[in-house]
């Protein structure tokens, strides 16, 4: 179906999630005043927790808690400020949901504190290449890792897939050197992260299945991104239908996890994609050879 049927993503605190017959949704919970789509809406502990619980009710298997905007041009925050934003949310959620909790950070110290507070996954938008201590932390705690490709702060290769391979192979070498098992890792090609044009992002979408070469589950993070606005003409808050369309298209190419703002519309869209893929698999199983 996806090339990864029945694979288990093993994460922190003895948990795991099956990635196969049903796509998994990771809900974006921005505890920030300046994120590109929903900055300021959920920047208190109570608002963030309630938003996360609603996302779980809508079908999210994972909630991804972030305390620093990664939009282009966003002002960096100090580690202490990031931690003050995210840790109380993680601590509150730990006792109120069985959903997996992810911390969106590239800092090892924030990751360490977040895992100690109850997070199961570290989602590193730098692909372990800003702070290799994130890999050490994951190895020591058994936390799951999302390793994202980015083209920021470096010269990219001209071919979109060649650059993915070049960057992610280095990230995977860092993880391996730290002792992170491959069943702890999901890869994210980083739509929008220094993919400056709609054409570049669309080529990455069109060739997404080539990333199955790594033999690891793939995460798709297209939600409300600028390239969707370039195609549809819609502002960020109006891009959920376009996001759901990309989720379906990427599911058909092998994506297993989907990081989104609007869980409900993507859950419905992905349920249809999953049903079709399972029907296709059943047809292939029954078809005479």
C-alpha atoms as a PDB file:
ATOM      1  CA  UNK A   1       0.000   0.000   0.000  1.00  0.00           C
ATOM      2  CA  UNK A   2       2.603   2.555   1.072  1.00  0.00           C
ATOM      3  CA  UNK A   3       5.691   0.372   1.093  1.00  0.00           C
ATOM      4  CA  UNK A   4       5.673   0.503   4.900  1.00  0.00           C
ATOM      5  CA  UNK A   5       2.632  -1.577   5.836  1.00  0.00           C
ATOM      6  CA  UNK A   6       2.504  -2.532   9.475  1.00  0.00           C
ATOM      7  CA  UNK A   7       5.658  -0.632  10.523  1.00  0.00           C
ATOM      8  CA  UNK A   8       5.843   0.426  14.160  1.00  0.00           C
ATOM      9  CA  UNK A   9       7.169   3.814  15.139  1.00  0.00           C
ATOM     10  CA  UNK A  10       8.609   3.302  18.610  1.00  0.00           C
ATOM     11  CA  UNK A  11       8.627   6.445  20.727  1.00  0.00           C
ATOM     12  CA  UNK A  12       9.331   7.524  24.289  1.00  0.00           C
ATOM     13  CA  UNK A  13       7.923   6.230  27.560  1.00  0.00           C
ATOM     14  CA  UNK A  14       7.451   2.741  26.128  1.00  0.00           C
ATOM     15  CA  UNK A  15       4.863   3.822  23.558  1.00  0.00           C
ATOM     16  CA  UNK A  16       4.532   2.997  19.865  1.00  0.00           C
ATOM     17  CA  UNK A  17       2.208   3.756  16.976  1.00  0.00           C
ATOM     18  CA  UNK A  18       1.453   1.577  13.980  1.00  0.00           C
ATOM     19  CA  UNK A  19       1.973   3.286  10.643  1.00  0.00           C
ATOM     20  CA  UNK A  20       0.303   1.361   7.870  1.00  0.00           C
ATOM     21  CA  UNK A  21      -3.330   0.759   7.117  1.00  0.00           C
ATOM     22  CA  UNK A  22      -4.449   4.102   8.550  1.00  0.00           C
ATOM     23  CA  UNK A  23      -2.663   7.406   8.133  1.00  0.00           C
ATOM     24  CA  UNK A  24      -1.661   9.179  11.345  1.00  0.00           C
ATOM     25  CA  UNK A  25      -2.357  12.857  11.962  1.00  0.00           C
ATOM     26  CA  UNK A  26      -0.049  15.103  13.967  1.00  0.00           C
ATOM     27  CA  UNK A  27      -1.876  18.234  15.102  1.00  0.00           C
ATOM     28  CA  UNK A  28       0.006  21.537  15.126  1.00  0.00           C
ATOM     29  CA  UNK A  29      -0.256  23.300  18.502  1.00  0.00           C
ATOM     30  CA  UNK A  30       1.559  26.640  18.306  1.00  0.00           C
ATOM     31  CA  UNK A  31       2.075  28.159  21.758  1.00  0.00           C
ATOM     32  CA  UNK A  32       3.406  31.300  20.105  1.00  0.00           C
ATOM     33  CA  UNK A  33       2.293  34.867  19.401  1.00  0.00           C
ATOM     34  CA  UNK A  34       3.710  34.988  15.859  1.00  0.00           C
ATOM     35  CA  UNK A  35       3.218  31.734  13.945  1.00  0.00           C
ATOM     36  CA  UNK A  36       2.238  32.390  10.335  1.00  0.00           C
ATOM     37  CA  UNK A  37      -1.300  30.993  10.470  1.00  0.00           C
ATOM     38  CA  UNK A  38      -2.583  30.933  14.050  1.00  0.00           C
ATOM     39  CA  UNK A  39      -0.052  32.908  16.078  1.00  0.00           C
ATOM     40  CA  UNK A  40      -1.565  34.234  19.297  1.00  0.00           C
ATOM     41  CA  UNK A  41      -4.701  32.085  19.223  1.00  0.00           C
ATOM     42  CA  UNK A  42      -3.346  29.403  21.538  1.00  0.00           C
ATOM     43  CA  UNK A  43      -0.499  31.128  23.381  1.00  0.00           C
ATOM     44  CA  UNK A  44      -1.837  30.465  26.881  1.00  0.00           C
ATOM     45  CA  UNK A  45      -1.620  27.095  28.610  1.00  0.00           C
ATOM     46  CA  UNK A  46      -5.386  26.669  28.881  1.00  0.00           C
ATOM     47  CA  UNK A  47      -6.026  27.622  25.256  1.00  0.00           C
ATOM     48  CA  UNK A  48      -3.261  25.362  23.963  1.00  0.00           C
ATOM     49  CA  UNK A  49      -4.416  22.400  26.051  1.00  0.00           C
ATOM     50  CA  UNK A  50      -8.040  22.760  24.985  1.00  0.00           C
ATOM     51  CA  UNK A  51      -6.982  23.118  21.347  1.00  0.00           C
ATOM     52  CA  UNK A  52      -4.869  19.970  21.622  1.00  0.00           C
ATOM     53  CA  UNK A  53      -7.686  17.985  23.224  1.00  0.00           C
ATOM     54  CA  UNK A  54     -10.079  19.109  20.488  1.00  0.00           C
ATOM     55  CA  UNK A  55      -7.551  18.003  17.875  1.00  0.00           C
ATOM     56  CA  UNK A  56      -7.410  14.557  19.493  1.00  0.00           C
ATOM     57  CA  UNK A  57     -11.205  14.415  19.507  1.00  0.00           C
ATOM     58  CA  UNK A  58     -11.138  15.286  15.793  1.00  0.00           C
ATOM     59  CA  UNK A  59      -8.788  12.388  15.043  1.00  0.00           C
ATOM     60  CA  UNK A  60      -5.196  13.384  15.806  1.00  0.00           C
ATOM     61  CA  UNK A  61      -2.959  10.592  17.081  1.00  0.00           C
ATOM     62  CA  UNK A  62      -0.140  13.025  17.912  1.00  0.00           C
ATOM     63  CA  UNK A  63      -0.111  16.609  19.173  1.00  0.00           C
ATOM     64  CA  UNK A  64       2.993  18.642  18.269  1.00  0.00           C
ATOM     65  CA  UNK A  65       3.721  21.421  20.761  1.00  0.00           C
ATOM     66  CA  UNK A  66       5.904  24.298  19.572  1.00  0.00           C
ATOM     67  CA  UNK A  67       7.115  27.398  21.365  1.00  0.00           C
ATOM     68  CA  UNK A  68       9.017  29.181  18.598  1.00  0.00           C
ATOM     69  CA  UNK A  69       7.722  30.172  15.177  1.00  0.00           C
ATOM     70  CA  UNK A  70       9.702  28.746  12.266  1.00  0.00           C
ATOM     71  CA  UNK A  71       8.158  30.973   9.601  1.00  0.00           C
ATOM     72  CA  UNK A  72      10.682  32.866   7.442  1.00  0.00           C
ATOM     73  CA  UNK A  73      11.861  35.999   9.225  1.00  0.00           C
ATOM     74  CA  UNK A  74      10.429  35.061  12.622  1.00  0.00           C
ATOM     75  CA  UNK A  75      12.282  36.452  15.621  1.00  0.00           C
ATOM     76  CA  UNK A  76      14.149  33.758  17.566  1.00  0.00           C
ATOM     77  CA  UNK A  77      13.232  33.174  21.201  1.00  0.00           C
ATOM     78  CA  UNK A  78      15.524  32.249  24.060  1.00  0.00           C
ATOM     79  CA  UNK A  79      15.618  28.651  25.278  1.00  0.00           C
ATOM     80  CA  UNK A  80      14.092  29.719  28.597  1.00  0.00           C
ATOM     81  CA  UNK A  81      11.197  31.472  26.870  1.00  0.00           C
ATOM     82  CA  UNK A  82      10.584  28.485  24.612  1.00  0.00           C
ATOM     83  CA  UNK A  83      10.568  26.167  27.618  1.00  0.00           C
ATOM     84  CA  UNK A  84       8.249  28.434  29.614  1.00  0.00           C
ATOM     85  CA  UNK A  85       5.742  28.249  26.770  1.00  0.00           C
ATOM     86  CA  UNK A  86       5.758  24.515  26.062  1.00  0.00           C
ATOM     87  CA  UNK A  87       6.514  22.669  29.303  1.00  0.00           C
ATOM     88  CA  UNK A  88       3.318  23.581  31.181  1.00  0.00           C
ATOM     89  CA  UNK A  89       1.271  22.510  28.152  1.00  0.00           C
ATOM     90  CA  UNK A  90       3.021  19.141  27.952  1.00  0.00           C
ATOM     91  CA  UNK A  91       2.652  18.583  31.703  1.00  0.00           C
ATOM     92  CA  UNK A  92      -1.065  19.389  31.530  1.00  0.00           C
ATOM     93  CA  UNK A  93      -1.680  17.153  28.508  1.00  0.00           C
ATOM     94  CA  UNK A  94       0.199  14.188  29.961  1.00  0.00           C
ATOM     95  CA  UNK A  95      -2.613  13.508  32.404  1.00  0.00           C
ATOM     96  CA  UNK A  96      -5.510  14.275  30.079  1.00  0.00           C
ATOM     97  CA  UNK A  97      -4.926  12.337  26.854  1.00  0.00           C
ATOM     98  CA  UNK A  98      -3.506   9.069  25.585  1.00  0.00           C
ATOM     99  CA  UNK A  99      -2.428  10.783  22.357  1.00  0.00           C
ATOM    100  CA  UNK A 100       1.291  10.938  21.722  1.00  0.00           C
ATOM    101  CA  UNK A 101       2.931  14.258  22.576  1.00  0.00           C
ATOM    102  CA  UNK A 102       5.625  15.741  20.341  1.00  0.00           C
ATOM    103  CA  UNK A 103       7.901  18.666  21.125  1.00  0.00           C
ATOM    104  CA  UNK A 104       8.768  20.864  18.143  1.00  0.00           C
ATOM    105  CA  UNK A 105      12.299  22.046  18.923  1.00  0.00           C
ATOM    106  CA  UNK A 106      15.857  21.961  17.624  1.00  0.00           C
ATOM    107  CA  UNK A 107      17.376  22.480  21.095  1.00  0.00           C
ATOM    108  CA  UNK A 108      18.586  19.462  23.075  1.00  0.00           C
ATOM    109  CA  UNK A 109      17.909  21.059  26.457  1.00  0.00           C
ATOM    110  CA  UNK A 110      14.309  21.894  25.544  1.00  0.00           C
ATOM    111  CA  UNK A 111      13.896  18.373  24.192  1.00  0.00           C
ATOM    112  CA  UNK A 112      15.313  16.884  27.405  1.00  0.00           C
ATOM    113  CA  UNK A 113      12.949  18.865  29.614  1.00  0.00           C
ATOM    114  CA  UNK A 114       9.983  18.150  27.335  1.00  0.00           C
ATOM    115  CA  UNK A 115      10.589  14.391  27.330  1.00  0.00           C
ATOM    116  CA  UNK A 116      10.952  14.545  31.109  1.00  0.00           C
ATOM    117  CA  UNK A 117       7.602  16.341  31.258  1.00  0.00           C
ATOM    118  CA  UNK A 118       5.920  13.619  29.203  1.00  0.00           C
ATOM    119  CA  UNK A 119       6.697  14.159  25.513  1.00  0.00           C
ATOM    120  CA  UNK A 120       7.142  11.009  23.432  1.00  0.00           C
ATOM    121  CA  UNK A 121       8.615  12.509  20.241  1.00  0.00           C
ATOM    122  CA  UNK A 122      11.106  15.219  19.316  1.00  0.00           C
ATOM    123  CA  UNK A 123      10.323  17.009  16.044  1.00  0.00           C
ATOM    124  CA  UNK A 124      13.545  18.709  14.912  1.00  0.00           C
ATOM    125  CA  UNK A 125      13.172  21.124  11.992  1.00  0.00           C
ATOM    126  CA  UNK A 126      16.962  21.362  11.702  1.00  0.00           C
ATOM    127  CA  UNK A 127      17.360  17.645  11.004  1.00  0.00           C
ATOM    128  CA  UNK A 128      19.699  17.258  14.023  1.00  0.00           C
ATOM    129  CA  UNK A 129      22.167  19.606  12.319  1.00  0.00           C
ATOM    130  CA  UNK A 130      21.889  22.582  14.692  1.00  0.00           C
ATOM    131  CA  UNK A 131      22.267  20.663  17.933  1.00  0.00           C
ATOM    132  CA  UNK A 132      23.478  17.066  17.670  1.00  0.00           C
ATOM    133  CA  UNK A 133      22.579  16.726  21.338  1.00  0.00           C
ATOM    134  CA  UNK A 134      18.997  16.131  20.204  1.00  0.00           C
ATOM    135  CA  UNK A 135      20.123  12.796  18.771  1.00  0.00           C
ATOM    136  CA  UNK A 136      21.969  11.949  21.991  1.00  0.00           C
ATOM    137  CA  UNK A 137      18.833  12.767  23.978  1.00  0.00           C
ATOM    138  CA  UNK A 138      16.683  10.568  21.739  1.00  0.00           C
ATOM    139  CA  UNK A 139      19.115   7.674  22.072  1.00  0.00           C
ATOM    140  CA  UNK A 140      19.271   8.006  25.853  1.00  0.00           C
ATOM    141  CA  UNK A 141      15.494   8.253  26.384  1.00  0.00           C
ATOM    142  CA  UNK A 142      14.086   6.219  23.502  1.00  0.00           C
ATOM    143  CA  UNK A 143      12.109   9.214  22.267  1.00  0.00           C
ATOM    144  CA  UNK A 144      10.822   9.120  18.716  1.00  0.00           C
ATOM    145  CA  UNK A 145      12.461  11.472  16.223  1.00  0.00           C
ATOM    146  CA  UNK A 146      11.036  13.479  13.330  1.00  0.00           C
ATOM    147  CA  UNK A 147      14.034  14.484  11.224  1.00  0.00           C
ATOM    148  CA  UNK A 148      13.188  17.301   8.841  1.00  0.00           C
ATOM    149  CA  UNK A 149      15.008  18.447   5.718  1.00  0.00           C
ATOM    150  CA  UNK A 150      15.695  22.137   5.395  1.00  0.00           C
ATOM    151  CA  UNK A 151      17.539  24.234   2.870  1.00  0.00           C
ATOM    152  CA  UNK A 152      18.023  27.182   5.191  1.00  0.00           C
ATOM    153  CA  UNK A 153      21.500  28.585   5.840  1.00  0.00           C
ATOM    154  CA  UNK A 154      23.260  26.499   3.208  1.00  0.00           C
ATOM    155  CA  UNK A 155      23.658  26.106  -0.550  1.00  0.00           C
ATOM    156  CA  UNK A 156      21.224  23.517  -1.918  1.00  0.00           C
ATOM    157  CA  UNK A 157      21.796  21.095  -4.746  1.00  0.00           C
ATOM    158  CA  UNK A 158      19.828  21.914  -7.883  1.00  0.00           C
ATOM    159  CA  UNK A 159      17.812  18.689  -7.962  1.00  0.00           C
ATOM    160  CA  UNK A 160      15.152  18.578  -5.227  1.00  0.00           C
ATOM    161  CA  UNK A 161      15.530  14.876  -4.465  1.00  0.00           C
ATOM    162  CA  UNK A 162      19.324  14.900  -4.675  1.00  0.00           C
ATOM    163  CA  UNK A 163      19.304  17.665  -2.060  1.00  0.00           C
ATOM    164  CA  UNK A 164      16.923  15.673   0.142  1.00  0.00           C
ATOM    165  CA  UNK A 165      19.247  12.677  -0.004  1.00  0.00           C
ATOM    166  CA  UNK A 166      22.362  14.793   0.589  1.00  0.00           C
ATOM    167  CA  UNK A 167      20.903  16.454   3.688  1.00  0.00           C
ATOM    168  CA  UNK A 168      18.982  13.529   5.187  1.00  0.00           C
ATOM    169  CA  UNK A 169      21.870  11.091   4.830  1.00  0.00           C
ATOM    170  CA  UNK A 170      23.941  13.427   6.987  1.00  0.00           C
ATOM    171  CA  UNK A 171      21.101  13.659   9.523  1.00  0.00           C
ATOM    172  CA  UNK A 172      20.739   9.888   9.636  1.00  0.00           C
ATOM    173  CA  UNK A 173      24.489   9.521  10.141  1.00  0.00           C
ATOM    174  CA  UNK A 174      24.241  11.834  13.165  1.00  0.00           C
ATOM    175  CA  UNK A 175      21.360   9.741  14.541  1.00  0.00           C
ATOM    176  CA  UNK A 176      23.228   6.480  13.961  1.00  0.00           C
ATOM    177  CA  UNK A 177      26.404   7.792  15.593  1.00  0.00           C
ATOM    178  CA  UNK A 178      24.363   8.695  18.666  1.00  0.00           C
ATOM    179  CA  UNK A 179      22.852   5.220  18.797  1.00  0.00           C
ATOM    180  CA  UNK A 180      19.289   6.034  17.706  1.00  0.00           C
ATOM    181  CA  UNK A 181      17.534   2.935  16.365  1.00  0.00           C
ATOM    182  CA  UNK A 182      15.952   3.317  12.931  1.00  0.00           C
ATOM    183  CA  UNK A 183      12.526   2.264  14.275  1.00  0.00           C
ATOM    184  CA  UNK A 184      12.510   5.545  16.248  1.00  0.00           C
ATOM    185  CA  UNK A 185      12.798   7.747  13.130  1.00  0.00           C
ATOM    186  CA  UNK A 186      10.349   9.421  10.756  1.00  0.00           C
ATOM    187  CA  UNK A 187      11.582  11.652   7.914  1.00  0.00           C
ATOM    188  CA  UNK A 188       9.998  14.943   6.853  1.00  0.00           C
ATOM    189  CA  UNK A 189      11.030  16.524   3.512  1.00  0.00           C
ATOM    190  CA  UNK A 190      10.280  19.998   4.890  1.00  0.00           C
ATOM    191  CA  UNK A 191       7.829  21.541   2.432  1.00  0.00           C
ATOM    192  CA  UNK A 192       8.296  25.306   2.439  1.00  0.00           C
ATOM    193  CA  UNK A 193      11.600  25.316   4.333  1.00  0.00           C
ATOM    194  CA  UNK A 194      13.811  27.122   1.816  1.00  0.00           C
ATOM    195  CA  UNK A 195      11.769  25.712  -1.032  1.00  0.00           C
ATOM    196  CA  UNK A 196      11.055  29.202  -2.234  1.00  0.00           C
ATOM    197  CA  UNK A 197       8.708  28.701  -5.163  1.00  0.00           C
ATOM    198  CA  UNK A 198       5.460  26.881  -5.737  1.00  0.00           C
ATOM    199  CA  UNK A 199       7.173  25.033  -8.583  1.00  0.00           C
ATOM    200  CA  UNK A 200       9.894  23.636  -6.307  1.00  0.00           C
ATOM    201  CA  UNK A 201       7.361  22.465  -3.732  1.00  0.00           C
ATOM    202  CA  UNK A 202       5.177  20.946  -6.430  1.00  0.00           C
ATOM    203  CA  UNK A 203       8.128  19.061  -7.877  1.00  0.00           C
ATOM    204  CA  UNK A 204       8.866  17.727  -4.408  1.00  0.00           C
ATOM    205  CA  UNK A 205       5.240  16.622  -4.145  1.00  0.00           C
ATOM    206  CA  UNK A 206       5.338  15.006  -7.587  1.00  0.00           C
ATOM    207  CA  UNK A 207       8.505  13.053  -6.720  1.00  0.00           C
ATOM    208  CA  UNK A 208       7.673  12.374  -3.065  1.00  0.00           C
ATOM    209  CA  UNK A 209       7.598   8.595  -3.496  1.00  0.00           C
ATOM    210  CA  UNK A 210      11.307   8.655  -4.388  1.00  0.00           C
ATOM    211  CA  UNK A 211      11.967   9.295  -0.688  1.00  0.00           C
ATOM    212  CA  UNK A 212      10.728   5.807   0.151  1.00  0.00           C
ATOM    213  CA  UNK A 213      14.285   4.792  -0.786  1.00  0.00           C
ATOM    214  CA  UNK A 214      15.248   5.484   2.831  1.00  0.00           C
ATOM    215  CA  UNK A 215      12.991   2.676   4.053  1.00  0.00           C
ATOM    216  CA  UNK A 216      11.606   4.911   6.804  1.00  0.00           C
ATOM    217  CA  UNK A 217       8.136   6.347   7.415  1.00  0.00           C
ATOM    218  CA  UNK A 218       7.550   9.743   5.833  1.00  0.00           C
ATOM    219  CA  UNK A 219       5.809  12.769   7.303  1.00  0.00           C
ATOM    220  CA  UNK A 220       4.078  15.376   5.129  1.00  0.00           C
ATOM    221  CA  UNK A 221       3.862  18.935   6.445  1.00  0.00           C
ATOM    222  CA  UNK A 222       2.153  21.074   3.818  1.00  0.00           C
ATOM    223  CA  UNK A 223      -0.487  22.635   6.047  1.00  0.00           C
ATOM    224  CA  UNK A 224      -1.465  26.164   4.973  1.00  0.00           C
ATOM    225  CA  UNK A 225       1.989  26.712   3.461  1.00  0.00           C
ATOM    226  CA  UNK A 226       2.698  29.687   1.222  1.00  0.00           C
ATOM    227  CA  UNK A 227       3.006  27.586  -1.929  1.00  0.00           C
ATOM    228  CA  UNK A 228      -0.620  26.517  -1.514  1.00  0.00           C
ATOM    229  CA  UNK A 229      -1.564  30.173  -1.498  1.00  0.00           C
ATOM    230  CA  UNK A 230       0.465  30.739  -4.661  1.00  0.00           C
ATOM    231  CA  UNK A 231      -1.565  28.036  -6.398  1.00  0.00           C
ATOM    232  CA  UNK A 232      -5.018  28.831  -4.989  1.00  0.00           C
ATOM    233  CA  UNK A 233      -4.782  32.572  -4.336  1.00  0.00           C
ATOM    234  CA  UNK A 234      -6.023  32.048  -0.769  1.00  0.00           C
ATOM    235  CA  UNK A 235      -4.698  33.488   2.482  1.00  0.00           C
ATOM    236  CA  UNK A 236      -3.202  31.168   5.126  1.00  0.00           C
ATOM    237  CA  UNK A 237      -6.364  30.656   7.165  1.00  0.00           C
ATOM    238  CA  UNK A 238      -8.284  29.690   4.005  1.00  0.00           C
ATOM    239  CA  UNK A 239      -5.932  26.922   2.833  1.00  0.00           C
ATOM    240  CA  UNK A 240      -7.366  23.919   4.684  1.00  0.00           C
ATOM    241  CA  UNK A 241      -9.102  22.456   1.627  1.00  0.00           C
ATOM    242  CA  UNK A 242      -5.888  22.778  -0.372  1.00  0.00           C
ATOM    243  CA  UNK A 243      -3.987  21.179   2.515  1.00  0.00           C
ATOM    244  CA  UNK A 244      -6.390  18.232   2.537  1.00  0.00           C
ATOM    245  CA  UNK A 245      -5.905  17.798  -1.203  1.00  0.00           C
ATOM    246  CA  UNK A 246      -2.136  17.613  -0.751  1.00  0.00           C
ATOM    247  CA  UNK A 247      -2.568  15.181   2.147  1.00  0.00           C
ATOM    248  CA  UNK A 248      -4.477  12.800  -0.114  1.00  0.00           C
ATOM    249  CA  UNK A 249      -1.987  13.148  -2.967  1.00  0.00           C
ATOM    250  CA  UNK A 250       0.951  12.514  -0.652  1.00  0.00           C
ATOM    251  CA  UNK A 251      -0.787   9.605   1.030  1.00  0.00           C
ATOM    252  CA  UNK A 252      -1.103   7.977  -2.382  1.00  0.00           C
ATOM    253  CA  UNK A 253       2.671   8.382  -2.748  1.00  0.00           C
ATOM    254  CA  UNK A 254       3.513   6.779   0.579  1.00  0.00           C
ATOM    255  CA  UNK A 255       3.283   9.414   3.320  1.00  0.00           C
ATOM    256  CA  UNK A 256       2.331   7.921   6.679  1.00  0.00           C
ATOM    257  CA  UNK A 257       2.074  10.926   9.032  1.00  0.00           C
ATOM    258  CA  UNK A 258       0.458  14.298   8.305  1.00  0.00           C
ATOM    259  CA  UNK A 259       1.216  17.442  10.315  1.00  0.00           C
ATOM    260  CA  UNK A 260      -1.792  19.767   9.993  1.00  0.00           C
ATOM    261  CA  UNK A 261      -3.647  22.675  11.559  1.00  0.00           C
ATOM    262  CA  UNK A 262      -7.200  21.534  10.766  1.00  0.00           C
ATOM    263  CA  UNK A 263      -7.452  17.924  11.900  1.00  0.00           C
ATOM    264  CA  UNK A 264     -11.102  17.296  11.034  1.00  0.00           C
ATOM    265  CA  UNK A 265     -10.958  18.090   7.305  1.00  0.00           C
ATOM    266  CA  UNK A 266      -7.693  16.168   6.876  1.00  0.00           C
ATOM    267  CA  UNK A 267      -9.005  13.175   8.840  1.00  0.00           C
ATOM    268  CA  UNK A 268     -12.027  12.926   6.529  1.00  0.00           C
ATOM    269  CA  UNK A 269      -9.890  13.291   3.405  1.00  0.00           C
ATOM    270  CA  UNK A 270      -7.343  10.754   4.590  1.00  0.00           C
ATOM    271  CA  UNK A 271     -10.012   8.258   5.639  1.00  0.00           C
ATOM    272  CA  UNK A 272     -11.185   8.223   2.021  1.00  0.00           C
ATOM    273  CA  UNK A 273      -7.620   7.814   0.751  1.00  0.00           C
ATOM    274  CA  UNK A 274      -6.965   5.021   3.250  1.00  0.00           C
ATOM    275  CA  UNK A 275     -10.187   3.218   2.273  1.00  0.00           C
ATOM    276  CA  UNK A 276      -9.272   3.385  -1.404  1.00  0.00           C
ATOM    277  CA  UNK A 277      -5.741   2.129  -0.755  1.00  0.00           C
ATOM    278  CA  UNK A 278      -7.043  -0.748   1.317  1.00  0.00           C
ATOM    279  CA  UNK A 279      -9.582  -1.601  -1.392  1.00  0.00           C
ATOM    280  CA  UNK A 280      -6.802  -1.586  -3.978  1.00  0.00           C
ATOM    281  CA  UNK A 281      -4.673  -3.828  -1.791  1.00  0.00           C
ATOM    282  CA  UNK A 282      -7.571  -6.259  -1.336  1.00  0.00           C
ATOM    283  CA  UNK A 283      -8.236  -6.309  -5.072  1.00  0.00           C
ATOM    284  CA  UNK A 284      -4.584  -7.053  -5.785  1.00  0.00           C
ATOM    285  CA  UNK A 285      -4.624  -9.830  -3.205  1.00  0.00           C
ATOM    286  CA  UNK A 286      -7.668 -11.505  -4.777  1.00  0.00           C
ATOM    287  CA  UNK A 287      -6.763 -10.968  -8.433  1.00  0.00           C
ATOM    288  CA  UNK A 288      -5.702 -14.205 -10.144  1.00  0.00           C
ATOM    289  CA  UNK A 289      -2.056 -14.298 -11.124  1.00  0.00           C
END
